[in-house]
C-alpha atoms as a PDB file:
ATOM      1  CA  UNK A   1       0.817  66.051   3.657  1.00  0.00           C
ATOM      2  CA  UNK A   2       1.970  63.265   5.984  1.00  0.00           C
ATOM      3  CA  UNK A   3      -1.538  62.762   7.327  1.00  0.00           C
ATOM      4  CA  UNK A   4      -2.904  62.678   3.776  1.00  0.00           C
ATOM      5  CA  UNK A   5      -0.372  60.059   2.733  1.00  0.00           C
ATOM      6  CA  UNK A   6      -1.236  57.986   5.822  1.00  0.00           C
ATOM      7  CA  UNK A   7      -4.945  58.042   5.048  1.00  0.00           C
ATOM      8  CA  UNK A   8      -4.218  57.181   1.426  1.00  0.00           C
ATOM      9  CA  UNK A   9      -2.000  54.252   2.464  1.00  0.00           C
ATOM     10  CA  UNK A  10      -4.621  52.997   4.891  1.00  0.00           C
ATOM     11  CA  UNK A  11      -7.271  53.189   2.181  1.00  0.00           C
ATOM     12  CA  UNK A  12      -5.109  51.250  -0.270  1.00  0.00           C
ATOM     13  CA  UNK A  13      -4.367  48.599   2.360  1.00  0.00           C
ATOM     14  CA  UNK A  14      -8.059  48.269   3.146  1.00  0.00           C
ATOM     15  CA  UNK A  15      -8.848  47.856  -0.560  1.00  0.00           C
ATOM     16  CA  UNK A  16      -6.230  45.087  -0.871  1.00  0.00           C
ATOM     17  CA  UNK A  17      -7.684  43.256   2.110  1.00  0.00           C
ATOM     18  CA  UNK A  18     -11.168  43.544   0.640  1.00  0.00           C
ATOM     19  CA  UNK A  19      -9.875  42.204  -2.674  1.00  0.00           C
ATOM     20  CA  UNK A  20      -8.427  39.161  -0.897  1.00  0.00           C
ATOM     21  CA  UNK A  21     -11.754  38.594   0.866  1.00  0.00           C
ATOM     22  CA  UNK A  22     -13.616  38.654  -2.455  1.00  0.00           C
ATOM     23  CA  UNK A  23     -11.080  36.220  -3.933  1.00  0.00           C
ATOM     24  CA  UNK A  24     -11.662  33.776  -1.083  1.00  0.00           C
ATOM     25  CA  UNK A  25     -15.439  34.107  -1.475  1.00  0.00           C
ATOM     26  CA  UNK A  26     -15.196  33.333  -5.198  1.00  0.00           C
ATOM     27  CA  UNK A  27     -12.996  30.307  -4.568  1.00  0.00           C
ATOM     28  CA  UNK A  28     -15.409  29.111  -1.865  1.00  0.00           C
ATOM     29  CA  UNK A  29     -18.284  29.146  -4.360  1.00  0.00           C
ATOM     30  CA  UNK A  30     -16.218  27.309  -6.983  1.00  0.00           C
ATOM     31  CA  UNK A  31     -15.177  24.680  -4.429  1.00  0.00           C
ATOM     32  CA  UNK A  32     -18.796  23.898  -3.534  1.00  0.00           C
ATOM     33  CA  UNK A  33     -20.029  23.757  -7.120  1.00  0.00           C
ATOM     34  CA  UNK A  34     -20.447  20.485  -9.006  1.00  0.00           C
ATOM     35  CA  UNK A  35     -19.435  22.118 -12.301  1.00  0.00           C
ATOM     36  CA  UNK A  36     -18.541  25.409 -13.943  1.00  0.00           C
ATOM     37  CA  UNK A  37     -20.054  28.515 -12.333  1.00  0.00           C
ATOM     38  CA  UNK A  38     -21.270  31.429 -14.441  1.00  0.00           C
ATOM     39  CA  UNK A  39     -20.517  35.059 -13.646  1.00  0.00           C
ATOM     40  CA  UNK A  40     -24.241  35.712 -13.161  1.00  0.00           C
ATOM     41  CA  UNK A  41     -24.472  32.976 -10.529  1.00  0.00           C
ATOM     42  CA  UNK A  42     -21.344  34.169  -8.736  1.00  0.00           C
ATOM     43  CA  UNK A  43     -22.641  37.744  -8.656  1.00  0.00           C
ATOM     44  CA  UNK A  44     -25.969  36.595  -7.232  1.00  0.00           C
ATOM     45  CA  UNK A  45     -24.447  34.365  -4.561  1.00  0.00           C
ATOM     46  CA  UNK A  46     -21.924  37.000  -3.474  1.00  0.00           C
ATOM     47  CA  UNK A  47     -24.386  39.910  -3.773  1.00  0.00           C
ATOM     48  CA  UNK A  48     -22.046  41.802  -6.101  1.00  0.00           C
ATOM     49  CA  UNK A  49     -22.322  43.333  -9.534  1.00  0.00           C
ATOM     50  CA  UNK A  50     -21.340  41.238 -12.548  1.00  0.00           C
ATOM     51  CA  UNK A  51     -18.775  43.861 -13.479  1.00  0.00           C
ATOM     52  CA  UNK A  52     -17.036  43.595 -10.118  1.00  0.00           C
ATOM     53  CA  UNK A  53     -17.015  39.795 -10.178  1.00  0.00           C
ATOM     54  CA  UNK A  54     -15.731  39.832 -13.748  1.00  0.00           C
ATOM     55  CA  UNK A  55     -12.803  42.062 -12.769  1.00  0.00           C
ATOM     56  CA  UNK A  56     -11.806  39.669  -9.995  1.00  0.00           C
ATOM     57  CA  UNK A  57     -12.180  36.663 -12.275  1.00  0.00           C
ATOM     58  CA  UNK A  58      -9.950  38.281 -14.890  1.00  0.00           C
ATOM     59  CA  UNK A  59      -7.227  38.793 -12.294  1.00  0.00           C
ATOM     60  CA  UNK A  60      -7.585  35.241 -10.979  1.00  0.00           C
ATOM     61  CA  UNK A  61      -7.473  33.882 -14.531  1.00  0.00           C
ATOM     62  CA  UNK A  62      -4.277  35.809 -15.258  1.00  0.00           C
ATOM     63  CA  UNK A  63      -2.762  34.309 -12.099  1.00  0.00           C
ATOM     64  CA  UNK A  64      -3.794  30.784 -13.082  1.00  0.00           C
ATOM     65  CA  UNK A  65      -6.071  30.358 -10.062  1.00  0.00           C
ATOM     66  CA  UNK A  66      -9.244  29.954 -12.133  1.00  0.00           C
ATOM     67  CA  UNK A  67      -9.887  28.917 -15.735  1.00  0.00           C
ATOM     68  CA  UNK A  68     -12.731  29.372 -18.164  1.00  0.00           C
ATOM     69  CA  UNK A  69     -14.707  26.178 -18.616  1.00  0.00           C
ATOM     70  CA  UNK A  70     -13.804  24.344 -21.821  1.00  0.00           C
ATOM     71  CA  UNK A  71     -17.426  23.876 -22.808  1.00  0.00           C
ATOM     72  CA  UNK A  72     -20.130  26.460 -22.311  1.00  0.00           C
ATOM     73  CA  UNK A  73     -19.982  29.423 -19.972  1.00  0.00           C
ATOM     74  CA  UNK A  74     -18.510  29.661 -16.553  1.00  0.00           C
ATOM     75  CA  UNK A  75     -15.347  29.279 -14.516  1.00  0.00           C
ATOM     76  CA  UNK A  76     -13.599  26.384 -12.746  1.00  0.00           C
ATOM     77  CA  UNK A  77     -10.503  25.965 -10.575  1.00  0.00           C
ATOM     78  CA  UNK A  78      -7.270  26.763 -12.399  1.00  0.00           C
ATOM     79  CA  UNK A  79      -4.319  24.435 -12.772  1.00  0.00           C
ATOM     80  CA  UNK A  80      -2.177  26.422 -10.357  1.00  0.00           C
ATOM     81  CA  UNK A  81      -4.868  26.206  -7.697  1.00  0.00           C
ATOM     82  CA  UNK A  82      -5.088  22.453  -8.213  1.00  0.00           C
ATOM     83  CA  UNK A  83      -1.318  22.303  -7.752  1.00  0.00           C
ATOM     84  CA  UNK A  84      -1.625  24.242  -4.502  1.00  0.00           C
ATOM     85  CA  UNK A  85      -4.465  21.963  -3.413  1.00  0.00           C
ATOM     86  CA  UNK A  86      -2.457  18.798  -3.984  1.00  0.00           C
ATOM     87  CA  UNK A  87       0.460  20.234  -2.049  1.00  0.00           C
ATOM     88  CA  UNK A  88      -1.848  21.248   0.796  1.00  0.00           C
ATOM     89  CA  UNK A  89      -3.307  17.736   0.995  1.00  0.00           C
ATOM     90  CA  UNK A  90      -0.167  15.650   0.631  1.00  0.00           C
ATOM     91  CA  UNK A  91       2.012  17.887   2.795  1.00  0.00           C
ATOM     92  CA  UNK A  92      -0.562  18.784   5.396  1.00  0.00           C
ATOM     93  CA  UNK A  93       0.154  18.583   9.103  1.00  0.00           C
ATOM     94  CA  UNK A  94      -2.024  15.515   9.608  1.00  0.00           C
ATOM     95  CA  UNK A  95      -0.245  13.627   6.811  1.00  0.00           C
ATOM     96  CA  UNK A  96       3.179  14.374   8.270  1.00  0.00           C
ATOM     97  CA  UNK A  97       2.036  13.421  11.766  1.00  0.00           C
ATOM     98  CA  UNK A  98       0.413  10.216  10.521  1.00  0.00           C
ATOM     99  CA  UNK A  99       3.274   8.957   8.347  1.00  0.00           C
ATOM    100  CA  UNK A 100       5.173   6.918  10.979  1.00  0.00           C
ATOM    101  CA  UNK A 101       1.960   5.640  12.559  1.00  0.00           C
ATOM    102  CA  UNK A 102       0.574   4.379   9.240  1.00  0.00           C
ATOM    103  CA  UNK A 103       3.877   2.579   8.618  1.00  0.00           C
ATOM    104  CA  UNK A 104       3.683   1.039  12.101  1.00  0.00           C
ATOM    105  CA  UNK A 105       0.096  -0.084  11.441  1.00  0.00           C
ATOM    106  CA  UNK A 106       1.197  -1.824   8.269  1.00  0.00           C
ATOM    107  CA  UNK A 107       4.106  -3.481  10.078  1.00  0.00           C
ATOM    108  CA  UNK A 108       1.902  -4.614  12.969  1.00  0.00           C
ATOM    109  CA  UNK A 109      -0.871  -6.104  10.820  1.00  0.00           C
ATOM    110  CA  UNK A 110       0.835  -7.009   7.547  1.00  0.00           C
ATOM    111  CA  UNK A 111      -2.012  -5.363   5.641  1.00  0.00           C
ATOM    112  CA  UNK A 112      -2.222  -2.323   3.391  1.00  0.00           C
ATOM    113  CA  UNK A 113      -2.580   0.730   5.669  1.00  0.00           C
ATOM    114  CA  UNK A 114      -4.092   4.031   4.554  1.00  0.00           C
ATOM    115  CA  UNK A 115      -4.771   7.587   5.613  1.00  0.00           C
ATOM    116  CA  UNK A 116      -7.677   9.171   3.709  1.00  0.00           C
ATOM    117  CA  UNK A 117      -9.213  12.640   3.775  1.00  0.00           C
ATOM    118  CA  UNK A 118     -12.683  13.868   2.787  1.00  0.00           C
ATOM    119  CA  UNK A 119     -13.327  14.501  -0.897  1.00  0.00           C
ATOM    120  CA  UNK A 120     -16.390  14.793  -3.084  1.00  0.00           C
ATOM    121  CA  UNK A 121     -17.978  11.358  -3.328  1.00  0.00           C
ATOM    122  CA  UNK A 122     -15.830   9.536  -0.804  1.00  0.00           C
ATOM    123  CA  UNK A 123     -12.412   9.394   0.834  1.00  0.00           C
ATOM    124  CA  UNK A 124      -9.199  10.295  -0.989  1.00  0.00           C
ATOM    125  CA  UNK A 125      -6.106   8.307  -0.074  1.00  0.00           C
ATOM    126  CA  UNK A 126      -3.305  10.710   0.875  1.00  0.00           C
ATOM    127  CA  UNK A 127      -0.905   8.219   2.449  1.00  0.00           C
ATOM    128  CA  UNK A 128      -0.507   4.490   1.884  1.00  0.00           C
ATOM    129  CA  UNK A 129       1.801   1.634   2.823  1.00  0.00           C
ATOM    130  CA  UNK A 130       0.963  -1.308   0.580  1.00  0.00           C
ATOM    131  CA  UNK A 131       1.186  -4.901   1.718  1.00  0.00           C
ATOM    132  CA  UNK A 132       3.854  -6.983   0.029  1.00  0.00           C
ATOM    133  CA  UNK A 133       2.024 -10.192   0.880  1.00  0.00           C
ATOM    134  CA  UNK A 134      -1.289  -9.514  -0.828  1.00  0.00           C
ATOM    135  CA  UNK A 135      -0.680  -8.851  -4.513  1.00  0.00           C
ATOM    136  CA  UNK A 136      -3.542  -6.889  -5.968  1.00  0.00           C
ATOM    137  CA  UNK A 137      -4.044  -4.670  -2.926  1.00  0.00           C
ATOM    138  CA  UNK A 138      -2.022  -1.773  -4.262  1.00  0.00           C
ATOM    139  CA  UNK A 139      -3.670   1.535  -3.364  1.00  0.00           C
ATOM    140  CA  UNK A 140      -1.783   4.726  -4.115  1.00  0.00           C
ATOM    141  CA  UNK A 141      -2.275   8.344  -3.003  1.00  0.00           C
ATOM    142  CA  UNK A 142      -4.910  10.033  -5.111  1.00  0.00           C
ATOM    143  CA  UNK A 143      -7.191   6.988  -5.237  1.00  0.00           C
ATOM    144  CA  UNK A 144     -10.772   7.665  -4.138  1.00  0.00           C
ATOM    145  CA  UNK A 145     -12.512   5.121  -1.912  1.00  0.00           C
ATOM    146  CA  UNK A 146     -16.232   5.254  -2.564  1.00  0.00           C
ATOM    147  CA  UNK A 147     -19.559   4.356  -1.008  1.00  0.00           C
ATOM    148  CA  UNK A 148     -20.978   1.991   0.024  1.00  0.00           C
ATOM    149  CA  UNK A 149     -18.157  -0.584   0.213  1.00  0.00           C
ATOM    150  CA  UNK A 150     -15.456   1.606   1.766  1.00  0.00           C
ATOM    151  CA  UNK A 151     -15.710   2.066   5.558  1.00  0.00           C
ATOM    152  CA  UNK A 152     -13.400   5.091   5.242  1.00  0.00           C
ATOM    153  CA  UNK A 153     -15.840   6.766   2.851  1.00  0.00           C
ATOM    154  CA  UNK A 154     -18.796   5.755   5.040  1.00  0.00           C
ATOM    155  CA  UNK A 155     -17.255   7.345   8.138  1.00  0.00           C
ATOM    156  CA  UNK A 156     -16.624  10.604   6.297  1.00  0.00           C
ATOM    157  CA  UNK A 157     -20.165  10.553   4.932  1.00  0.00           C
ATOM    158  CA  UNK A 158     -21.567   9.941   8.418  1.00  0.00           C
ATOM    159  CA  UNK A 159     -19.499  12.529  10.284  1.00  0.00           C
ATOM    160  CA  UNK A 160     -20.211  15.156   7.626  1.00  0.00           C
ATOM    161  CA  UNK A 161     -23.923  14.642   8.443  1.00  0.00           C
ATOM    162  CA  UNK A 162     -24.869  13.541   4.964  1.00  0.00           C
ATOM    163  CA  UNK A 163     -28.081  11.606   4.440  1.00  0.00           C
ATOM    164  CA  UNK A 164     -29.030   8.838   4.348  1.00  0.00           C
ATOM    165  CA  UNK A 165     -26.660   7.428   6.953  1.00  0.00           C
ATOM    166  CA  UNK A 166     -24.800   4.425   5.491  1.00  0.00           C
ATOM    167  CA  UNK A 167     -26.079   1.140   6.929  1.00  0.00           C
ATOM    168  CA  UNK A 168     -24.399  -0.330  10.017  1.00  0.00           C
ATOM    169  CA  UNK A 169     -22.079   2.646  10.586  1.00  0.00           C
ATOM    170  CA  UNK A 170     -23.688   3.721  13.866  1.00  0.00           C
ATOM    171  CA  UNK A 171     -24.013   0.110  15.030  1.00  0.00           C
ATOM    172  CA  UNK A 172     -20.347  -0.585  14.288  1.00  0.00           C
ATOM    173  CA  UNK A 173     -19.216   2.632  15.966  1.00  0.00           C
ATOM    174  CA  UNK A 174     -21.234   1.807  19.085  1.00  0.00           C
ATOM    175  CA  UNK A 175     -19.876  -1.694  19.318  1.00  0.00           C
ATOM    176  CA  UNK A 176     -16.312  -1.339  18.052  1.00  0.00           C
ATOM    177  CA  UNK A 177     -15.553   2.432  17.741  1.00  0.00           C
ATOM    178  CA  UNK A 178     -14.667   1.736  14.093  1.00  0.00           C
ATOM    179  CA  UNK A 179     -16.527   0.887  10.900  1.00  0.00           C
ATOM    180  CA  UNK A 180     -15.802  -2.186   8.791  1.00  0.00           C
ATOM    181  CA  UNK A 181     -17.080  -3.917   5.687  1.00  0.00           C
ATOM    182  CA  UNK A 182     -16.611  -7.394   4.212  1.00  0.00           C
ATOM    183  CA  UNK A 183     -17.120  -7.404   0.452  1.00  0.00           C
ATOM    184  CA  UNK A 184     -17.692 -11.119  -0.018  1.00  0.00           C
ATOM    185  CA  UNK A 185     -19.677 -10.779  -3.243  1.00  0.00           C
ATOM    186  CA  UNK A 186     -17.223  -8.538  -5.035  1.00  0.00           C
ATOM    187  CA  UNK A 187     -13.442  -8.727  -4.942  1.00  0.00           C
ATOM    188  CA  UNK A 188     -13.244 -10.540  -1.613  1.00  0.00           C
ATOM    189  CA  UNK A 189     -11.558  -7.618   0.103  1.00  0.00           C
ATOM    190  CA  UNK A 190     -12.766  -5.747   3.139  1.00  0.00           C
ATOM    191  CA  UNK A 191     -11.671  -2.874   5.316  1.00  0.00           C
ATOM    192  CA  UNK A 192     -11.562  -1.484   8.839  1.00  0.00           C
ATOM    193  CA  UNK A 193     -11.506   2.288   9.400  1.00  0.00           C
ATOM    194  CA  UNK A 194     -11.371   4.680  12.357  1.00  0.00           C
ATOM    195  CA  UNK A 195     -12.043   8.448  12.276  1.00  0.00           C
ATOM    196  CA  UNK A 196      -9.716  11.343  13.104  1.00  0.00           C
ATOM    197  CA  UNK A 197     -11.074  14.749  14.064  1.00  0.00           C
ATOM    198  CA  UNK A 198     -10.124  18.382  13.641  1.00  0.00           C
ATOM    199  CA  UNK A 199      -9.805  20.589  16.756  1.00  0.00           C
ATOM    200  CA  UNK A 200     -13.360  21.845  16.083  1.00  0.00           C
ATOM    201  CA  UNK A 201     -14.768  18.291  16.014  1.00  0.00           C
ATOM    202  CA  UNK A 202     -15.185  17.987  12.239  1.00  0.00           C
ATOM    203  CA  UNK A 203     -13.804  14.874  10.616  1.00  0.00           C
ATOM    204  CA  UNK A 204     -10.236  15.363   9.394  1.00  0.00           C
ATOM    205  CA  UNK A 205      -9.309  11.935   8.039  1.00  0.00           C
ATOM    206  CA  UNK A 206      -9.643   8.203   8.502  1.00  0.00           C
ATOM    207  CA  UNK A 207      -7.123   5.505   9.334  1.00  0.00           C
ATOM    208  CA  UNK A 208      -7.829   2.158   7.679  1.00  0.00           C
ATOM    209  CA  UNK A 209      -6.493  -1.190   6.584  1.00  0.00           C
ATOM    210  CA  UNK A 210      -7.497  -3.221   3.531  1.00  0.00           C
ATOM    211  CA  UNK A 211      -7.578  -6.977   4.014  1.00  0.00           C
ATOM    212  CA  UNK A 212      -9.286 -10.236   3.114  1.00  0.00           C
ATOM    213  CA  UNK A 213     -12.987 -10.288   3.969  1.00  0.00           C
ATOM    214  CA  UNK A 214     -12.426 -13.678   5.611  1.00  0.00           C
ATOM    215  CA  UNK A 215     -10.825 -11.870   8.552  1.00  0.00           C
ATOM    216  CA  UNK A 216     -14.044  -9.919   9.135  1.00  0.00           C
ATOM    217  CA  UNK A 217     -16.516 -12.823   9.067  1.00  0.00           C
ATOM    218  CA  UNK A 218     -18.468 -13.561  11.187  1.00  0.00           C
ATOM    219  CA  UNK A 219     -16.830 -10.895  13.377  1.00  0.00           C
ATOM    220  CA  UNK A 220     -13.707  -8.786  12.907  1.00  0.00           C
ATOM    221  CA  UNK A 221     -10.444 -10.072  14.336  1.00  0.00           C
ATOM    222  CA  UNK A 222     -10.124  -8.278  17.736  1.00  0.00           C
ATOM    223  CA  UNK A 223      -6.377  -7.749  17.309  1.00  0.00           C
ATOM    224  CA  UNK A 224      -6.898  -6.032  13.971  1.00  0.00           C
ATOM    225  CA  UNK A 225      -9.620  -3.817  15.431  1.00  0.00           C
ATOM    226  CA  UNK A 226      -7.346  -2.816  18.295  1.00  0.00           C
ATOM    227  CA  UNK A 227      -4.438  -2.085  15.942  1.00  0.00           C
ATOM    228  CA  UNK A 228      -6.563   0.330  13.886  1.00  0.00           C
ATOM    229  CA  UNK A 229      -8.039   1.970  16.987  1.00  0.00           C
ATOM    230  CA  UNK A 230      -4.646   2.318  18.679  1.00  0.00           C
ATOM    231  CA  UNK A 231      -3.202   3.961  15.550  1.00  0.00           C
ATOM    232  CA  UNK A 232      -6.112   6.391  15.376  1.00  0.00           C
ATOM    233  CA  UNK A 233      -5.717   7.263  19.057  1.00  0.00           C
ATOM    234  CA  UNK A 234      -2.000   7.887  18.663  1.00  0.00           C
ATOM    235  CA  UNK A 235      -2.487  10.170  15.656  1.00  0.00           C
ATOM    236  CA  UNK A 236      -5.384  11.987  17.334  1.00  0.00           C
ATOM    237  CA  UNK A 237      -3.242  12.653  20.410  1.00  0.00           C
ATOM    238  CA  UNK A 238      -0.555  14.223  18.236  1.00  0.00           C
ATOM    239  CA  UNK A 239      -2.935  16.157  15.976  1.00  0.00           C
ATOM    240  CA  UNK A 240      -5.708  17.353  18.317  1.00  0.00           C
ATOM    241  CA  UNK A 241      -5.593  15.536  21.614  1.00  0.00           C
ATOM    242  CA  UNK A 242      -8.894  14.593  23.223  1.00  0.00           C
ATOM    243  CA  UNK A 243     -11.124  15.806  20.393  1.00  0.00           C
ATOM    244  CA  UNK A 244     -14.140  13.623  19.576  1.00  0.00           C
ATOM    245  CA  UNK A 245     -17.036  14.468  17.286  1.00  0.00           C
ATOM    246  CA  UNK A 246     -20.392  14.925  19.047  1.00  0.00           C
ATOM    247  CA  UNK A 247     -21.715  12.487  16.446  1.00  0.00           C
ATOM    248  CA  UNK A 248     -19.577   9.662  17.830  1.00  0.00           C
ATOM    249  CA  UNK A 249     -22.012   7.335  19.645  1.00  0.00           C
ATOM    250  CA  UNK A 250     -20.995   6.206  23.147  1.00  0.00           C
ATOM    251  CA  UNK A 251     -19.481   2.734  23.308  1.00  0.00           C
ATOM    252  CA  UNK A 252     -22.107   0.118  24.089  1.00  0.00           C
ATOM    253  CA  UNK A 253     -24.960   2.646  23.802  1.00  0.00           C
END
């Protein structure tokens, strides 16, 4: 009897593990989709029967991890999962490590200092210290910096190997080890951004400052460049020391 109970327990444990694996696979598909995903599409992508996928979706819906799309067929992330996602972003290790360094960058330069992480369509601000001397440059966590004006978004786009490569990114990285942009025709604001990398070399975040474009023309202020680079180096040393993406061009190359 004892042996039978052991085998039964092992089988139940294996089934629970498999159920977790399927859940992660479903959430992976939903995270990569641009809209609601139908059961038929999920079943095809995961090589499972519609009935099996439907059972998992029902459980995930009951738990609040996925929701039915409001219009048409399909499923999307649930509100609880979005809550977990926000907590994961804003309380992540890199945010906690970066917090004092971003404050120091703001204090050293006097400009709005940001930490941004990759998101669909750009860079999402997850930490900000806004300048008190430049009214109008108030950027809060949750804001999305977009292409092509944002150097933070351009760096993420480049290091995620998306095409086409934003103009001047490689040139700026070769010459300065950062990207920058002066938006003289728009709001008159510009930015300087440096990348941070995960232990596996993928881009984790960007450090940046927002400032007047006048400080970037005809060339960026060397002290500002060094402040951004020094902050990025300090955070990188704490987060994943010595890691550099293979896509980072050599200085002066």
